[in-house]
Amino acid sequence: MSTLAIPKNVAMMSDDMEVTATVCMDARPCRKFAGKRVHFIGIGGCGMCGLARMLINDGAIVTGSELRPNAQTFELIKRGAKISREQLGQLLTSDTDLVVRTAAVPDNNPELSAARALGLRHIKYAELLGMLMAERHGIAVAGTHGKSTTTAMIGYALLECGADPSVVVGGTVPQLGGGSRSGASDLFVAEACEFDRSFHNLHPRTALITNIEEDHLDCYKNLDEIIVSFRKFAQLVPHDGLILAGGKDRSVIAALAGVTAPIEFVALDEGFSWSTKIIGIENGCYRGEVLYKGKYVGTLAPIVAGKHNLQNATMALAACVACGMVPAKAIAALDRFEGVDRRMSVVGMYNGATVVDDYGHHPTEIRTTLKALREHYSPRRLICVFQPHQHSRTRFLLEDFASSFELADETIVPDIYFVRDSESERQQVCAGDLVGRIIAKGQSAIYLPDFADIARHIRQTAGSGDLIVTMGAGNVWEIGRDLIGEKKS
């Protein structure tokens, strides 16, 4: 493994790991945003509020707007940020140094228009993420699947090992106090998204690529173009950095062709730099013995279900070791990791049935999650309520989606969650098309457009021992809350 610069307040790894590291004597260099005025349009999102918190800690003067205030925005206000509930530019002034917007903010947003009228510099979230990472020891987690969980695992393990990292995750992590945190060390762990090629803005010293599949085909032509994009991301890692990559994924291997930074492959198999051998499974949770270059490191026993989470934990362990953590301490922390919200999260019970919610919105994620749920719960029946996310994704991957519900006893599909797509795209596919394909493959499926109809159907059919999972990247989680009697938040 390569030599890495480690902040002086981070514990070094044990000598028997045969990994060298040097200590950075200047763990907190002067930050470029100290004293600067930065305004966030849509400051309440997981990533945006995390960067806002980091800037406040760096001495910046932070303002923002959020149409739907939440716990994160209230916490930022306590830290000194001024936040408006309208996006009309009330808090913008001619001396605002930078305006940051989320990818969800359209070009015709009134506040963005106000910023342009004032001649203010404005950038997207990913660009600011890259700026902050350039000042720190960045650990960027990329891949089609597993980004949020692996990022959260690394952040939590580093925190438990005493490293005090900054973390930005694309989801809520209860053990981190939310979707982000601002730490005192130079370690910065962040999810690196390939959508709109936003991860090309980053400056990682350690990069993880979990896997690569076809997705976001509204901005990529095909898998080959996605592979090229991941290659460009990998090429951002310096010669004295490190790339940790899924060793059994052919597309990942193809993406790393010609990349000059050191690479270590990770897999649930033998013969890789980081190899984990499965030695048991209990209630769907896998245990495995971890080897680094053939030498025993320890035994991972995650309490989050699914073989994929043992792989995620192995990659997280490798990242922690690369950052100077003692392997045994990192393993102990990873074994205590409880997961990210909306990743097989228990919502409650209804009429003796367990209600679970999950963010899965890609065919591979659906298959993997359904398998893990069956192994963990052994349900009498598994009822999956799947809300397709985007018409373009549904159309491009229609046949793959149709084949992904084999482990569900019944699949219920509402209307497609409409986001980003054009109206013409919206006219080319509907939820009924997916249901028809599922039925054609011999599976039970039903199209119910409205959430109220779905909840009514489940109340009439679900019983003791059943497992109900709401799945998708949209607002399908509302159905589960409705079933157990919670109000929407």
Protein backbone atom coordinates (compact mmCIF):
# COMPACT_ATOMS: atom_id res chain seq x y z
CA MET A 1 0.00 0.00 0.00
CA SER A 2 1.16 3.55 -0.63
CA THR A 3 2.40 6.09 1.87
CA LEU A 4 -0.41 8.37 3.04
CA ALA A 5 -0.38 11.64 4.95
CA ILE A 6 -2.25 11.11 8.21
CA PRO A 7 -3.39 13.93 10.54
CA LYS A 8 -1.36 14.02 13.75
CA ASN A 9 -4.41 13.40 15.93
CA VAL A 10 -5.19 10.07 14.22
CA ALA A 11 -4.01 6.81 15.78
CA MET A 12 -1.58 4.84 13.64
CA MET A 13 -2.28 1.28 12.58
CA SER A 14 -0.43 -1.65 14.08
CA ASP A 15 2.96 -2.53 12.60
CA ASP A 16 1.92 -6.04 11.62
CA MET A 17 -0.27 -4.65 8.82
CA GLU A 18 2.88 -3.86 6.83
CA VAL A 19 1.50 -0.48 5.81
CA THR A 20 3.51 2.72 6.09
CA ALA A 21 2.12 6.15 6.90
CA THR A 22 3.52 9.58 7.55
CA VAL A 23 2.17 12.19 9.93
CA CYS A 24 0.94 15.54 8.64
CA MET A 25 2.20 18.10 11.15
CA ASP A 26 -0.30 20.75 10.00
CA ALA A 27 -3.62 19.02 10.66
CA ARG A 28 -5.72 22.19 10.42
CA PRO A 29 -4.37 24.48 7.68
CA CYS A 30 -5.89 27.91 7.13
CA ARG A 31 -9.20 27.49 5.27
CA LYS A 32 -9.95 29.58 2.20
CA PHE A 33 -13.56 30.21 3.26
CA ALA A 34 -12.76 31.80 6.63
CA GLY A 35 -14.55 35.16 6.75
CA LYS A 36 -16.31 34.58 3.41
CA ARG A 37 -20.06 35.01 2.96
CA VAL A 38 -21.63 31.88 1.44
CA HIS A 39 -25.32 31.44 0.64
CA PHE A 40 -26.97 28.02 0.10
CA ILE A 41 -30.13 27.64 -2.00
CA GLY A 42 -31.79 24.56 -0.54
CA ILE A 43 -29.65 24.37 2.58
CA GLY A 44 -31.74 21.67 4.27
CA GLY A 45 -30.56 18.69 2.22
CA CYS A 46 -28.19 16.13 3.76
CA GLY A 47 -25.21 17.20 1.69
CA MET A 48 -25.89 20.94 1.70
CA CYS A 49 -26.37 21.24 5.45
CA GLY A 50 -23.21 19.17 5.97
CA LEU A 51 -21.11 21.54 3.86
CA ALA A 52 -22.76 24.55 5.52
CA ARG A 53 -21.79 23.17 8.92
CA MET A 54 -18.21 22.65 7.76
CA LEU A 55 -18.00 26.22 6.47
CA ILE A 56 -19.34 27.60 9.75
CA ASN A 57 -16.64 25.66 11.58
CA ASP A 58 -14.08 27.08 9.13
CA GLY A 59 -15.17 30.61 10.04
CA ALA A 60 -17.46 31.40 7.10
CA ILE A 61 -20.60 33.54 7.37
CA VAL A 62 -23.41 31.26 6.20
CA THR A 63 -26.89 32.13 4.97
CA GLY A 64 -29.39 30.02 3.10
CA SER A 65 -32.94 29.23 2.09
CA GLU A 66 -35.06 26.14 2.63
CA LEU A 67 -38.68 25.71 1.60
CA ARG A 68 -39.09 22.81 4.03
CA PRO A 69 -37.22 23.54 7.28
CA ASN A 70 -36.05 20.50 9.22
CA ALA A 71 -33.94 19.53 12.21
CA GLN A 72 -30.76 20.23 10.23
CA THR A 73 -31.76 23.80 9.37
CA PHE A 74 -32.73 24.53 12.99
CA GLU A 75 -29.34 23.21 14.10
CA LEU A 76 -27.58 25.47 11.59
CA ILE A 77 -29.52 28.48 12.89
CA LYS A 78 -28.29 27.65 16.40
CA ARG A 79 -24.77 27.71 14.99
CA GLY A 80 -25.27 31.22 13.62
CA ALA A 81 -26.65 30.71 10.10
CA LYS A 82 -29.47 32.92 8.82
CA ILE A 83 -32.03 30.91 6.85
CA SER A 84 -35.10 32.02 4.91
CA ARG A 85 -38.15 29.85 4.26
CA GLU A 86 -38.55 31.46 0.82
CA GLN A 87 -36.23 31.35 -2.17
CA LEU A 88 -36.59 34.95 -3.28
CA GLY A 89 -33.11 36.25 -2.50
CA GLN A 90 -33.91 38.21 0.67
CA LEU A 91 -30.60 37.24 2.29
CA LEU A 92 -28.44 37.90 -0.76
CA THR A 93 -26.27 41.02 -0.77
CA SER A 94 -23.72 42.47 -3.14
CA ASP A 95 -20.93 41.32 -0.82
CA THR A 96 -22.02 37.67 -0.84
CA ASP A 97 -18.89 35.83 -1.99
CA LEU A 98 -20.49 32.61 -3.23
CA VAL A 99 -23.92 31.12 -3.90
CA VAL A 100 -24.32 27.34 -3.83
CA ARG A 101 -27.32 25.44 -5.16
CA THR A 102 -28.39 21.82 -5.14
CA ALA A 103 -28.80 19.90 -8.38
CA ALA A 104 -32.56 20.03 -7.77
CA VAL A 105 -32.64 23.84 -8.05
CA PRO A 106 -33.63 24.74 -11.65
CA ASP A 107 -31.95 27.44 -13.70
CA ASN A 108 -35.06 29.63 -13.45
CA ASN A 109 -35.17 29.54 -9.63
CA PRO A 110 -36.02 33.10 -8.38
CA GLU A 111 -33.20 33.14 -5.85
CA LEU A 112 -30.67 31.98 -8.43
CA SER A 113 -31.98 34.70 -10.77
CA ALA A 114 -31.50 37.24 -7.97
CA ALA A 115 -27.92 36.06 -7.51
CA ARG A 116 -27.26 36.52 -11.23
CA ALA A 117 -28.77 40.00 -11.13
CA LEU A 118 -26.33 40.93 -8.36
CA GLY A 119 -23.43 39.49 -10.37
CA LEU A 120 -22.68 36.90 -7.68
CA ARG A 121 -20.59 33.82 -8.32
CA HIS A 122 -22.78 30.71 -8.19
CA ILE A 123 -21.86 27.02 -8.30
CA LYS A 124 -23.46 23.63 -7.74
CA TYR A 125 -23.14 21.52 -4.60
CA ALA A 126 -20.61 19.11 -6.14
CA GLU A 127 -18.22 21.96 -6.94
CA LEU A 128 -18.18 23.17 -3.33
CA LEU A 129 -17.79 19.58 -2.15
CA GLY A 130 -14.67 19.35 -4.31
CA MET A 131 -13.30 22.65 -2.97
CA LEU A 132 -13.63 21.51 0.63
CA MET A 133 -12.19 18.09 -0.17
CA ALA A 134 -9.15 19.69 -1.82
CA GLU A 135 -8.24 21.21 1.58
CA ARG A 136 -8.51 17.90 3.39
CA HIS A 137 -7.65 14.20 3.20
CA GLY A 138 -10.62 13.18 1.09
CA ILE A 139 -12.15 9.70 1.09
CA ALA A 140 -14.68 9.60 -1.77
CA VAL A 141 -17.06 6.65 -2.12
CA ALA A 142 -18.41 6.01 -5.63
CA GLY A 143 -20.36 3.19 -7.27
CA THR A 144 -23.79 2.39 -8.63
CA HIS A 145 -24.85 0.69 -5.39
CA GLY A 146 -23.76 0.82 -1.76
CA LYS A 147 -22.38 4.39 -1.71
CA SER A 148 -24.43 5.68 1.20
CA THR A 149 -24.00 2.63 3.41
CA THR A 150 -20.26 2.34 2.77
CA THR A 151 -19.72 6.07 3.32
CA ALA A 152 -21.67 5.90 6.59
CA MET A 153 -19.75 2.81 7.71
CA ILE A 154 -16.41 4.54 7.13
CA GLY A 155 -17.52 7.74 8.84
CA TYR A 156 -18.89 5.91 11.87
CA ALA A 157 -15.86 3.63 12.22
CA LEU A 158 -13.42 6.56 11.94
CA LEU A 159 -15.42 8.42 14.59
CA GLU A 160 -15.42 5.42 16.91
CA CYS A 161 -11.66 5.04 16.41
CA GLY A 162 -11.16 8.61 17.63
CA ALA A 163 -10.38 10.22 14.27
CA ASP A 164 -13.19 12.85 14.39
CA PRO A 165 -13.85 13.00 10.61
CA SER A 166 -16.15 15.23 8.59
CA VAL A 167 -18.77 13.12 6.80
CA VAL A 168 -21.37 13.76 4.10
CA VAL A 169 -23.79 10.90 3.35
CA GLY A 170 -26.75 10.88 0.97
CA GLY A 171 -29.08 9.70 3.72
CA THR A 172 -29.76 9.98 7.44
CA VAL A 173 -27.43 8.03 9.73
CA PRO A 174 -28.73 7.99 13.32
CA GLN A 175 -25.33 7.00 14.74
CA LEU A 176 -23.79 10.10 13.15
CA GLY A 177 -26.60 12.35 14.30
CA GLY A 178 -27.94 12.85 10.76
CA GLY A 179 -26.65 12.77 7.22
CA SER A 180 -23.48 14.71 7.90
CA ARG A 181 -21.06 15.92 10.54
CA SER A 182 -18.18 18.39 10.74
CA GLY A 183 -15.14 17.02 12.54
CA ALA A 184 -11.91 18.50 13.82
CA SER A 185 -9.52 16.27 11.87
CA ASP A 186 -8.54 16.56 8.22
CA LEU A 187 -10.31 13.33 7.27
CA PHE A 188 -13.32 14.02 5.04
CA VAL A 189 -15.54 11.10 3.95
CA ALA A 190 -18.08 11.88 1.24
CA GLU A 191 -20.44 10.08 -1.09
CA ALA A 192 -19.36 10.60 -4.72
CA CYS A 193 -22.28 10.52 -7.14
CA GLU A 194 -21.83 9.80 -10.83
CA PHE A 195 -25.06 11.55 -11.87
CA ASP A 196 -24.31 14.52 -14.12
CA ARG A 197 -20.63 13.51 -13.71
CA SER A 198 -20.62 15.49 -10.47
CA PHE A 199 -17.90 13.31 -8.90
CA HIS A 200 -15.43 14.74 -11.42
CA ASN A 201 -15.35 17.84 -9.20
CA LEU A 202 -13.80 15.98 -6.27
CA HIS A 203 -10.22 15.72 -4.99
CA PRO A 204 -9.93 12.32 -3.28
CA ARG A 205 -6.74 10.92 -1.81
CA THR A 206 -8.56 7.65 -1.16
CA ALA A 207 -11.28 6.64 -3.63
CA LEU A 208 -13.65 3.69 -3.40
CA ILE A 209 -15.53 2.21 -6.34
CA THR A 210 -18.01 -0.38 -5.09
CA ASN A 211 -19.47 -1.49 -8.43
CA ILE A 212 -20.54 -0.14 -11.82
CA GLU A 213 -23.80 -0.83 -13.66
CA GLU A 214 -26.10 0.89 -16.11
CA ASP A 215 -27.93 3.75 -14.41
CA HIS A 216 -28.60 7.45 -14.93
CA LEU A 217 -29.12 6.75 -18.60
CA ASP A 218 -30.72 10.18 -18.90
CA CYS A 219 -27.19 11.63 -18.81
CA TYR A 220 -25.12 8.66 -20.06
CA LYS A 221 -25.58 6.93 -23.41
CA ASN A 222 -24.64 3.45 -22.29
CA LEU A 223 -22.51 1.39 -19.92
CA ASP A 224 -19.34 2.13 -21.87
CA GLU A 225 -19.81 5.85 -21.29
CA ILE A 226 -20.42 5.21 -17.59
CA ILE A 227 -17.18 3.22 -17.36
CA VAL A 228 -15.28 6.10 -18.98
CA SER A 229 -16.78 8.49 -16.44
CA PHE A 230 -15.66 6.30 -13.54
CA ARG A 231 -12.19 6.10 -15.09
CA LYS A 232 -11.98 9.89 -15.07
CA PHE A 233 -13.01 9.85 -11.39
CA ALA A 234 -10.30 7.28 -10.58
CA GLN A 235 -7.72 9.39 -12.39
CA LEU A 236 -8.34 12.17 -9.86
CA VAL A 237 -6.52 10.13 -7.20
CA PRO A 238 -2.87 11.22 -6.88
CA HIS A 239 0.09 8.86 -7.29
CA ASP A 240 0.55 8.67 -3.53
CA GLY A 241 -3.18 8.04 -2.94
CA LEU A 242 -5.13 4.80 -3.05
CA ILE A 243 -8.07 3.28 -4.94
CA LEU A 244 -10.13 0.54 -3.29
CA ALA A 245 -12.31 -1.27 -5.80
CA GLY A 246 -14.79 -4.11 -6.07
CA GLY A 247 -12.56 -6.88 -7.34
CA LYS A 248 -15.22 -9.12 -8.92
CA ASP A 249 -16.92 -6.41 -10.96
CA ARG A 250 -15.80 -6.51 -14.60
CA SER A 251 -16.93 -2.96 -15.25
CA VAL A 252 -14.91 -1.70 -12.30
CA ILE A 253 -11.83 -3.50 -13.59
CA ALA A 254 -12.42 -2.02 -17.06
CA ALA A 255 -12.78 1.47 -15.58
CA LEU A 256 -9.40 1.17 -13.85
CA ALA A 257 -7.50 0.27 -17.02
CA GLY A 258 -4.58 2.68 -17.40
CA VAL A 259 -5.10 4.34 -14.02
CA THR A 260 -1.71 4.99 -12.39
CA ALA A 261 -2.68 5.44 -8.73
CA PRO A 262 -2.20 2.39 -6.46
CA ILE A 263 -5.18 0.01 -6.58
CA GLU A 264 -6.30 -2.59 -4.07
CA PHE A 265 -9.17 -4.91 -4.98
CA VAL A 266 -11.73 -6.00 -2.39
CA ALA A 267 -13.99 -9.06 -2.65
CA LEU A 268 -15.82 -11.80 -0.78
CA ASP A 269 -13.41 -14.34 -2.19
CA GLU A 270 -9.79 -15.41 -2.05
CA GLY A 271 -6.88 -13.96 -3.97
CA PHE A 272 -7.58 -10.25 -3.64
CA SER A 273 -5.73 -7.56 -1.73
CA TRP A 274 -8.62 -7.54 0.73
CA SER A 275 -10.36 -10.93 0.79
CA THR A 276 -13.23 -11.87 3.08
CA LYS A 277 -14.23 -15.50 3.43
CA ILE A 278 -17.83 -16.05 4.55
CA ILE A 279 -17.85 -18.28 7.65
CA GLY A 280 -21.46 -18.02 8.78
CA ILE A 281 -24.88 -16.39 8.56
CA GLU A 282 -27.38 -15.67 11.32
CA ASN A 283 -30.74 -14.02 10.70
CA GLY A 284 -29.49 -12.86 7.33
CA CYS A 285 -26.35 -11.23 8.75
CA TYR A 286 -23.10 -12.60 7.28
CA ARG A 287 -19.80 -13.11 9.13
CA GLY A 288 -16.45 -13.33 7.40
CA GLU A 289 -12.72 -13.71 8.02
CA VAL A 290 -10.77 -10.83 6.48
CA LEU A 291 -7.33 -11.27 4.94
CA TYR A 292 -5.05 -8.49 3.75
CA LYS A 293 -2.62 -9.80 1.12
CA GLY A 294 -3.11 -13.29 2.53
CA LYS A 295 -2.60 -12.33 6.18
CA TYR A 296 -5.43 -12.64 8.71
CA VAL A 297 -6.75 -9.24 9.86
CA GLY A 298 -9.85 -10.15 11.86
CA THR A 299 -13.46 -11.32 11.65
CA LEU A 300 -16.23 -9.00 10.54
CA ALA A 301 -19.73 -9.65 11.87
CA PRO A 302 -22.02 -6.80 10.73
CA ILE A 303 -25.47 -6.57 12.31
CA VAL A 304 -26.97 -5.21 9.07
CA ALA A 305 -28.41 -8.01 6.94
CA GLY A 306 -27.26 -9.13 3.52
CA LYS A 307 -24.13 -10.48 1.89
CA HIS A 308 -23.69 -7.11 0.19
CA ASN A 309 -23.27 -5.47 3.59
CA LEU A 310 -20.37 -7.78 4.43
CA GLN A 311 -18.76 -6.57 1.19
CA ASN A 312 -19.55 -2.96 2.14
CA ALA A 313 -18.01 -3.50 5.58
CA THR A 314 -14.87 -5.02 4.05
CA MET A 315 -14.41 -1.98 1.82
CA ALA A 316 -15.03 0.31 4.79
CA LEU A 317 -12.42 -1.57 6.83
CA ALA A 318 -9.88 -1.20 4.01
CA ALA A 319 -10.56 2.54 3.88
CA CYS A 320 -10.17 2.90 7.65
CA VAL A 321 -6.83 1.07 7.58
CA ALA A 322 -5.68 3.31 4.72
CA CYS A 323 -6.46 6.27 6.99
CA GLY A 324 -4.28 4.90 9.78
CA MET A 325 -6.84 3.17 11.98
CA VAL A 326 -6.01 0.09 14.07
CA PRO A 327 -7.79 -2.78 12.25
CA ALA A 328 -9.22 -4.38 15.39
CA LYS A 329 -10.80 -1.10 16.51
CA ALA A 330 -12.25 -0.46 13.06
CA ILE A 331 -13.72 -3.98 12.93
CA ALA A 332 -15.31 -3.58 16.36
CA ALA A 333 -16.89 -0.31 15.24
CA LEU A 334 -18.17 -1.76 11.95
CA ASP A 335 -19.75 -4.62 13.88
CA ARG A 336 -21.76 -2.01 15.82
CA PHE A 337 -22.93 -0.10 12.76
CA GLU A 338 -26.75 -0.07 12.64
CA GLY A 339 -27.38 1.22 9.14
CA VAL A 340 -28.68 4.18 7.15
CA ASP A 341 -32.32 5.24 7.21
CA ARG A 342 -34.38 3.83 4.34
CA ARG A 343 -32.02 0.87 3.95
CA MET A 344 -34.15 -2.07 5.11
CA SER A 345 -35.34 0.16 7.96
CA VAL A 346 -38.06 -1.19 10.25
CA VAL A 347 -41.06 1.16 10.28
CA GLY A 348 -43.29 -0.82 12.64
CA MET A 349 -45.98 -3.48 12.71
CA TYR A 350 -49.41 -3.70 11.13
CA ASN A 351 -51.84 -6.52 11.95
CA GLY A 352 -48.94 -8.84 12.83
CA ALA A 353 -47.00 -7.97 9.67
CA THR A 354 -43.61 -6.27 9.78
CA VAL A 355 -43.36 -3.05 7.77
CA VAL A 356 -39.93 -2.17 6.33
CA ASP A 357 -38.81 0.71 4.13
CA ASP A 358 -35.95 0.77 1.60
CA TYR A 359 -34.44 3.23 -0.86
CA GLY A 360 -33.73 0.63 -3.57
CA HIS A 361 -34.60 1.97 -7.03
CA HIS A 362 -32.43 -0.09 -9.40
CA PRO A 363 -33.06 -3.74 -10.42
CA THR A 364 -29.88 -5.00 -8.74
CA GLU A 365 -30.78 -3.19 -5.53
CA ILE A 366 -34.27 -4.70 -5.60
CA ARG A 367 -32.95 -8.27 -6.00
CA THR A 368 -30.28 -7.82 -3.35
CA THR A 369 -32.65 -6.24 -0.84
CA LEU A 370 -35.43 -8.79 -1.31
CA LYS A 371 -32.93 -11.62 -0.82
CA ALA A 372 -31.57 -10.04 2.36
CA LEU A 373 -35.08 -9.45 3.71
CA ARG A 374 -36.09 -13.05 3.09
CA GLU A 375 -32.96 -14.32 4.82
CA HIS A 376 -33.45 -11.99 7.77
CA TYR A 377 -37.20 -12.36 8.37
CA SER A 378 -38.23 -15.69 6.73
CA PRO A 379 -41.70 -14.20 6.15
CA ARG A 380 -44.92 -16.07 5.44
CA ARG A 381 -45.43 -13.72 2.51
CA LEU A 382 -43.27 -10.87 1.19
CA ILE A 383 -45.31 -7.98 -0.18
CA CYS A 384 -43.25 -5.39 -2.08
CA VAL A 385 -44.63 -1.95 -2.84
CA PHE A 386 -42.28 -0.57 -5.47
CA GLN A 387 -42.47 3.01 -6.69
CA PRO A 388 -40.44 3.40 -9.91
CA HIS A 389 -38.19 6.47 -9.85
CA GLN A 390 -38.06 8.43 -13.12
CA HIS A 391 -39.71 7.47 -16.37
CA SER A 392 -36.39 7.36 -18.22
CA ARG A 393 -34.85 4.87 -15.77
CA THR A 394 -38.00 2.73 -15.91
CA ARG A 395 -38.00 2.70 -19.71
CA PHE A 396 -34.29 2.03 -20.17
CA LEU A 397 -34.23 -0.81 -17.60
CA LEU A 398 -37.79 -2.10 -18.01
CA GLU A 399 -36.98 -5.77 -18.68
CA ASP A 400 -34.40 -5.86 -15.91
CA PHE A 401 -36.90 -4.33 -13.48
CA ALA A 402 -39.50 -6.90 -14.49
CA SER A 403 -37.11 -9.73 -13.58
CA SER A 404 -36.12 -8.31 -10.21
CA PHE A 405 -39.20 -9.20 -8.13
CA GLU A 406 -38.90 -13.00 -8.17
CA LEU A 407 -38.48 -13.15 -4.38
CA ALA A 408 -41.65 -11.14 -3.75
CA ASP A 409 -44.96 -12.97 -3.35
CA GLU A 410 -46.82 -9.88 -4.50
CA THR A 411 -45.56 -6.66 -6.08
CA ILE A 412 -47.70 -3.53 -5.93
CA VAL A 413 -46.75 -0.65 -8.22
CA PRO A 414 -48.06 2.94 -7.95
CA ASP A 415 -47.48 5.62 -10.56
CA ILE A 416 -43.88 6.43 -11.50
CA TYR A 417 -42.25 9.15 -9.39
CA PHE A 418 -41.79 12.03 -11.79
CA VAL A 419 -38.50 13.93 -11.45
CA ARG A 420 -36.12 15.57 -13.94
CA ASP A 421 -37.61 13.83 -17.01
CA SER A 422 -39.19 15.72 -19.88
CA GLU A 423 -42.90 15.50 -20.61
CA SER A 424 -42.15 13.50 -23.79
CA GLU A 425 -40.22 10.96 -21.72
CA ARG A 426 -43.17 10.77 -19.36
CA GLN A 427 -45.44 9.73 -22.23
CA GLN A 428 -43.27 6.79 -23.29
CA VAL A 429 -43.72 4.50 -20.28
CA CYS A 430 -46.07 4.05 -17.34
CA ALA A 431 -46.30 1.92 -14.22
CA GLY A 432 -48.82 -0.35 -15.94
CA ASP A 433 -46.13 -1.31 -18.48
CA LEU A 434 -43.91 -2.57 -15.67
CA VAL A 435 -46.74 -4.50 -14.03
CA GLY A 436 -47.56 -6.16 -17.35
CA ARG A 437 -43.95 -7.28 -17.78
CA ILE A 438 -43.80 -8.66 -14.23
CA ILE A 439 -46.99 -10.67 -14.77
CA ALA A 440 -45.66 -11.94 -18.12
CA LYS A 441 -42.71 -13.41 -16.22
CA GLY A 442 -45.06 -15.44 -14.02
CA GLN A 443 -45.04 -13.20 -10.96
CA SER A 444 -47.96 -11.70 -9.06
CA ALA A 445 -48.23 -7.94 -9.56
CA ILE A 446 -50.89 -5.26 -9.37
CA TYR A 447 -51.03 -1.62 -10.47
CA LEU A 448 -52.65 0.71 -7.95
CA PRO A 449 -51.94 4.35 -8.85
CA ASP A 450 -52.78 5.99 -5.52
CA PHE A 451 -51.11 5.47 -2.15
CA ALA A 452 -54.51 5.40 -0.43
CA ASP A 453 -55.60 2.49 -2.63
CA ILE A 454 -52.38 0.63 -1.86
CA ALA A 455 -52.78 1.09 1.90
CA ARG A 456 -56.39 -0.07 1.65
CA HIS A 457 -55.36 -3.18 -0.31
CA ILE A 458 -52.66 -4.07 2.22
CA ARG A 459 -55.04 -3.60 5.14
CA GLN A 460 -57.41 -6.09 3.52
CA THR A 461 -54.78 -8.74 2.77
CA ALA A 462 -51.77 -8.49 5.14
CA GLY A 463 -51.60 -10.71 8.19
CA SER A 464 -49.40 -12.16 10.89
CA GLY A 465 -45.99 -13.28 9.68
CA ASP A 466 -46.09 -11.20 6.51
CA LEU A 467 -43.37 -8.75 5.55
CA ILE A 468 -44.34 -5.51 3.80
CA VAL A 469 -41.52 -3.51 2.19
CA THR A 470 -42.02 -0.10 0.62
CA MET A 471 -39.24 0.49 -1.88
CA GLY A 472 -38.10 3.36 -4.06
CA ALA A 473 -36.28 6.70 -4.10
CA GLY A 474 -39.48 8.76 -4.08
CA ASN A 475 -42.10 9.26 -1.38
CA VAL A 476 -43.30 5.64 -1.21
CA TRP A 477 -42.24 5.58 2.45
CA GLU A 478 -45.46 7.47 3.24
CA ILE A 479 -47.44 4.24 2.76
CA GLY A 480 -45.62 2.46 5.56
CA ARG A 481 -46.11 5.41 7.93
CA ASP A 482 -49.79 5.45 7.00
CA LEU A 483 -50.15 1.74 7.76
CA ILE A 484 -48.76 2.05 11.27
CA GLY A 485 -50.65 5.27 11.97
CA GLU A 486 -47.88 7.87 11.78
CA LYS A 487 -48.45 11.24 10.19
CA LYS A 488 -46.30 12.31 7.25
CA SER A 489 -43.45 14.67 8.17
